[in-house]
Amino acid sequence: MTAHLVSANSFKKIFDFFITKGCLDQNEQVAKASVDAAIRIIQEKGSDYSEELLKILESYLSEQKKYPELSKNQAIIMIGSLASYLDKTSQSKLIGTFEKMLELLSTPSELIRQSITRCIPQLARFFEEKSKKFLLEHFQILKTSDDERTLRGSAYAVAGLVKGLGMQALQEYAILSTV
């Protein structure tokens, strides 16, 4: 039996630091390291503490507490990383998180876009029909929009959704022939 170095109660303090301080640091390298460290903790402890971590991360999204928008965005990204460790009941509750992630792709922050793109494939697998709809919407934006920020967000969305849906999405929607 392996001893747990971190108790479930310690996660609140750790994630509070990452979400309210580390991820908001003005130094982009520090912010990226904070995101990476938080996601690494989720990867290492997600299977043992998935429900506890979900409760902690969801607490940053509640309207009762006033956290900066960037902190809420980071919590959404971390929930996306946690998704693959949750049971089916908990996963089904994440549709709102998935939709919010796709909205956040149009933010100017490259760090947020990259982080979200890493999470989209895991969530896309749980919401296949919704993912296909989002894929078509974002692919259409890529074909028609002239706004660089919108194009970048949609490109990230398409990449993440295709990765989550698999190779059949490339063939089904003729993405390669269009590109």
Protein backbone atom coordinates (compact mmCIF):
# COMPACT_ATOMS: atom_id res chain seq x y z
CA MET A 1 0.00 0.00 0.00
CA THR A 2 1.37 3.37 -1.00
CA ALA A 3 1.38 6.22 1.49
CA HIS A 4 -0.25 9.41 0.25
CA LEU A 5 2.09 12.36 0.66
CA VAL A 6 -0.75 14.85 0.29
CA SER A 7 -4.03 14.57 2.17
CA ALA A 8 -7.31 15.55 0.54
CA ASN A 9 -7.53 18.54 2.91
CA SER A 10 -4.23 19.92 1.63
CA PHE A 11 -5.53 20.21 -1.92
CA LYS A 12 -7.65 23.26 -1.09
CA LYS A 13 -4.57 25.24 -0.01
CA ILE A 14 -2.47 24.03 -2.93
CA PHE A 15 -5.08 24.85 -5.57
CA ASP A 16 -5.93 28.13 -3.89
CA PHE A 17 -2.32 29.18 -4.42
CA PHE A 18 -2.22 28.01 -8.04
CA ILE A 19 -5.57 29.51 -9.03
CA THR A 20 -5.51 32.80 -7.12
CA LYS A 21 -1.78 33.60 -7.22
CA GLY A 22 0.44 31.40 -9.37
CA CYS A 23 -1.68 31.41 -12.52
CA LEU A 24 -2.15 35.18 -12.24
CA ASP A 25 1.55 36.01 -11.95
CA GLN A 26 2.71 38.75 -14.33
CA ASN A 27 5.70 36.63 -15.33
CA GLU A 28 4.36 34.33 -18.04
CA GLN A 29 6.85 31.58 -17.17
CA VAL A 30 5.66 31.54 -13.54
CA ALA A 31 2.02 31.47 -14.65
CA LYS A 32 2.71 28.60 -17.07
CA ALA A 33 4.67 26.68 -14.43
CA SER A 34 1.74 27.10 -12.01
CA VAL A 35 -0.75 25.76 -14.55
CA ASP A 36 1.56 22.87 -15.39
CA ALA A 37 2.11 22.02 -11.71
CA ALA A 38 -1.62 22.05 -10.96
CA ILE A 39 -2.36 19.83 -13.94
CA ARG A 40 0.46 17.49 -12.92
CA ILE A 41 -1.10 17.14 -9.44
CA ILE A 42 -4.41 16.33 -11.09
CA GLN A 43 -2.73 13.71 -13.25
CA GLU A 44 -0.96 12.14 -10.28
CA LYS A 45 -3.82 12.27 -7.74
CA GLY A 46 -6.92 12.51 -9.91
CA SER A 47 -7.77 8.84 -9.76
CA ASP A 48 -7.56 8.79 -5.93
CA TYR A 49 -9.18 12.16 -5.18
CA SER A 50 -11.33 12.99 -8.21
CA GLU A 51 -14.50 13.94 -6.32
CA GLU A 52 -12.62 16.02 -3.73
CA LEU A 53 -10.69 17.86 -6.43
CA LEU A 54 -13.88 18.50 -8.41
CA LYS A 55 -15.55 20.07 -5.36
CA ILE A 56 -12.53 22.28 -4.73
CA LEU A 57 -12.27 23.43 -8.34
CA GLU A 58 -16.02 24.01 -8.68
CA SER A 59 -15.91 26.25 -5.60
CA TYR A 60 -13.93 28.81 -7.65
CA LEU A 61 -16.78 29.04 -10.12
CA SER A 62 -19.52 29.83 -7.64
CA GLU A 63 -20.94 33.33 -7.78
CA GLN A 64 -20.88 33.62 -3.99
CA LYS A 65 -17.13 34.14 -3.97
CA LYS A 66 -15.61 36.86 -6.08
CA TYR A 67 -12.57 35.52 -7.86
CA PRO A 68 -10.97 37.24 -10.84
CA GLU A 69 -12.16 35.96 -14.21
CA LEU A 70 -8.71 34.58 -14.96
CA SER A 71 -8.85 32.48 -11.77
CA LYS A 72 -12.22 31.10 -12.79
CA ASN A 73 -10.85 30.34 -16.24
CA GLN A 74 -7.94 28.42 -14.72
CA ALA A 75 -10.35 26.44 -12.55
CA ILE A 76 -12.33 25.51 -15.67
CA ILE A 77 -9.15 24.31 -17.38
CA MET A 78 -8.23 22.21 -14.34
CA ILE A 79 -11.71 20.69 -14.22
CA GLY A 80 -11.23 19.73 -17.85
CA SER A 81 -7.97 18.02 -16.94
CA LEU A 82 -9.72 16.19 -14.13
CA ALA A 83 -12.58 14.94 -16.35
CA SER A 84 -10.99 11.66 -17.35
CA TYR A 85 -10.66 10.64 -13.68
CA LEU A 86 -14.34 11.23 -12.83
CA ASP A 87 -17.08 8.63 -12.85
CA LYS A 88 -19.78 8.80 -15.53
CA THR A 89 -22.23 10.69 -13.30
CA SER A 90 -19.73 13.45 -12.56
CA GLN A 91 -18.57 13.59 -16.17
CA SER A 92 -22.10 14.22 -17.39
CA LYS A 93 -22.27 17.34 -15.21
CA LEU A 94 -19.32 18.89 -17.06
CA ILE A 95 -21.19 19.96 -20.21
CA GLY A 96 -21.32 23.56 -18.96
CA THR A 97 -17.59 23.47 -18.29
CA PHE A 98 -16.99 22.12 -21.79
CA GLU A 99 -19.09 24.88 -23.37
CA LYS A 100 -17.32 27.55 -21.30
CA MET A 101 -13.93 26.21 -22.38
CA LEU A 102 -14.86 26.59 -26.03
CA GLU A 103 -15.99 30.17 -25.35
CA LEU A 104 -12.69 30.95 -23.60
CA LEU A 105 -10.73 30.03 -26.71
CA SER A 106 -11.42 33.51 -28.09
CA THR A 107 -9.57 35.18 -25.20
CA PRO A 108 -6.33 36.96 -26.05
CA SER A 109 -4.33 34.80 -23.64
CA GLU A 110 -2.21 32.26 -25.49
CA LEU A 111 -1.62 30.40 -22.21
CA ILE A 112 -5.35 29.90 -21.66
CA ARG A 113 -5.87 28.77 -25.26
CA GLN A 114 -3.04 26.24 -25.03
CA SER A 115 -4.28 24.92 -21.69
CA ILE A 116 -7.83 24.55 -22.95
CA THR A 117 -6.67 22.77 -26.08
CA ARG A 118 -5.05 20.13 -23.86
CA CYS A 119 -8.38 19.57 -22.06
CA ILE A 120 -10.81 19.60 -24.99
CA PRO A 121 -9.90 16.12 -26.27
CA GLN A 122 -10.74 14.51 -22.92
CA LEU A 123 -14.10 16.28 -22.69
CA ALA A 124 -14.95 15.82 -26.38
CA ARG A 125 -15.01 12.05 -25.86
CA PHE A 126 -17.76 12.36 -23.24
CA PHE A 127 -19.95 14.71 -25.29
CA GLU A 128 -19.61 13.31 -28.80
CA GLU A 129 -22.75 14.85 -30.33
CA LYS A 130 -22.10 18.25 -28.77
CA SER A 131 -18.46 18.02 -29.88
CA LYS A 132 -19.46 17.34 -33.48
CA LYS A 133 -21.76 20.37 -33.41
CA PHE A 134 -18.97 22.56 -31.99
CA LEU A 135 -16.54 21.18 -34.56
CA LEU A 136 -18.82 22.16 -37.44
CA GLU A 137 -19.40 25.63 -35.94
CA HIS A 138 -15.71 26.32 -35.41
CA PHE A 139 -14.73 24.88 -38.79
CA GLN A 140 -17.26 27.22 -40.42
CA ILE A 141 -15.71 30.15 -38.53
CA LEU A 142 -12.30 29.15 -39.90
CA LYS A 143 -13.71 29.30 -43.42
CA THR A 144 -15.49 32.64 -43.08
CA SER A 145 -14.01 34.88 -40.38
CA ASP A 146 -11.43 37.61 -40.91
CA ASP A 147 -10.85 38.35 -37.22
CA GLU A 148 -7.46 36.99 -36.15
CA ARG A 149 -8.43 36.36 -32.51
CA THR A 150 -11.57 34.50 -33.56
CA LEU A 151 -9.62 32.47 -36.11
CA ARG A 152 -6.97 31.50 -33.54
CA GLY A 153 -9.62 30.44 -31.02
CA SER A 154 -11.47 28.38 -33.62
CA ALA A 155 -8.24 26.78 -34.84
CA TYR A 156 -7.47 25.67 -31.29
CA ALA A 157 -11.04 24.40 -30.90
CA VAL A 158 -10.92 22.41 -34.13
CA ALA A 159 -7.54 20.90 -33.21
CA GLY A 160 -8.75 19.82 -29.77
CA LEU A 161 -12.09 18.53 -31.02
CA VAL A 162 -10.53 16.52 -33.84
CA LYS A 163 -8.06 15.02 -31.40
CA GLY A 164 -10.92 14.06 -29.08
CA LEU A 165 -13.23 12.73 -31.77
CA GLY A 166 -10.50 10.88 -33.62
CA MET A 167 -9.54 10.33 -37.22
CA GLN A 168 -13.10 9.60 -38.29
CA ALA A 169 -13.91 13.28 -37.71
CA LEU A 170 -11.29 14.28 -40.29
CA GLN A 171 -12.92 12.02 -42.84
CA GLU A 172 -16.54 12.61 -41.85
CA TYR A 173 -16.28 16.40 -42.18
CA ALA A 174 -13.71 16.43 -45.04
CA ILE A 175 -11.41 18.61 -42.97
CA LEU A 176 -8.21 17.62 -44.75
CA SER A 177 -9.62 18.23 -48.22
CA THR A 178 -10.89 21.65 -47.15
CA VAL A 179 -7.59 22.60 -45.55
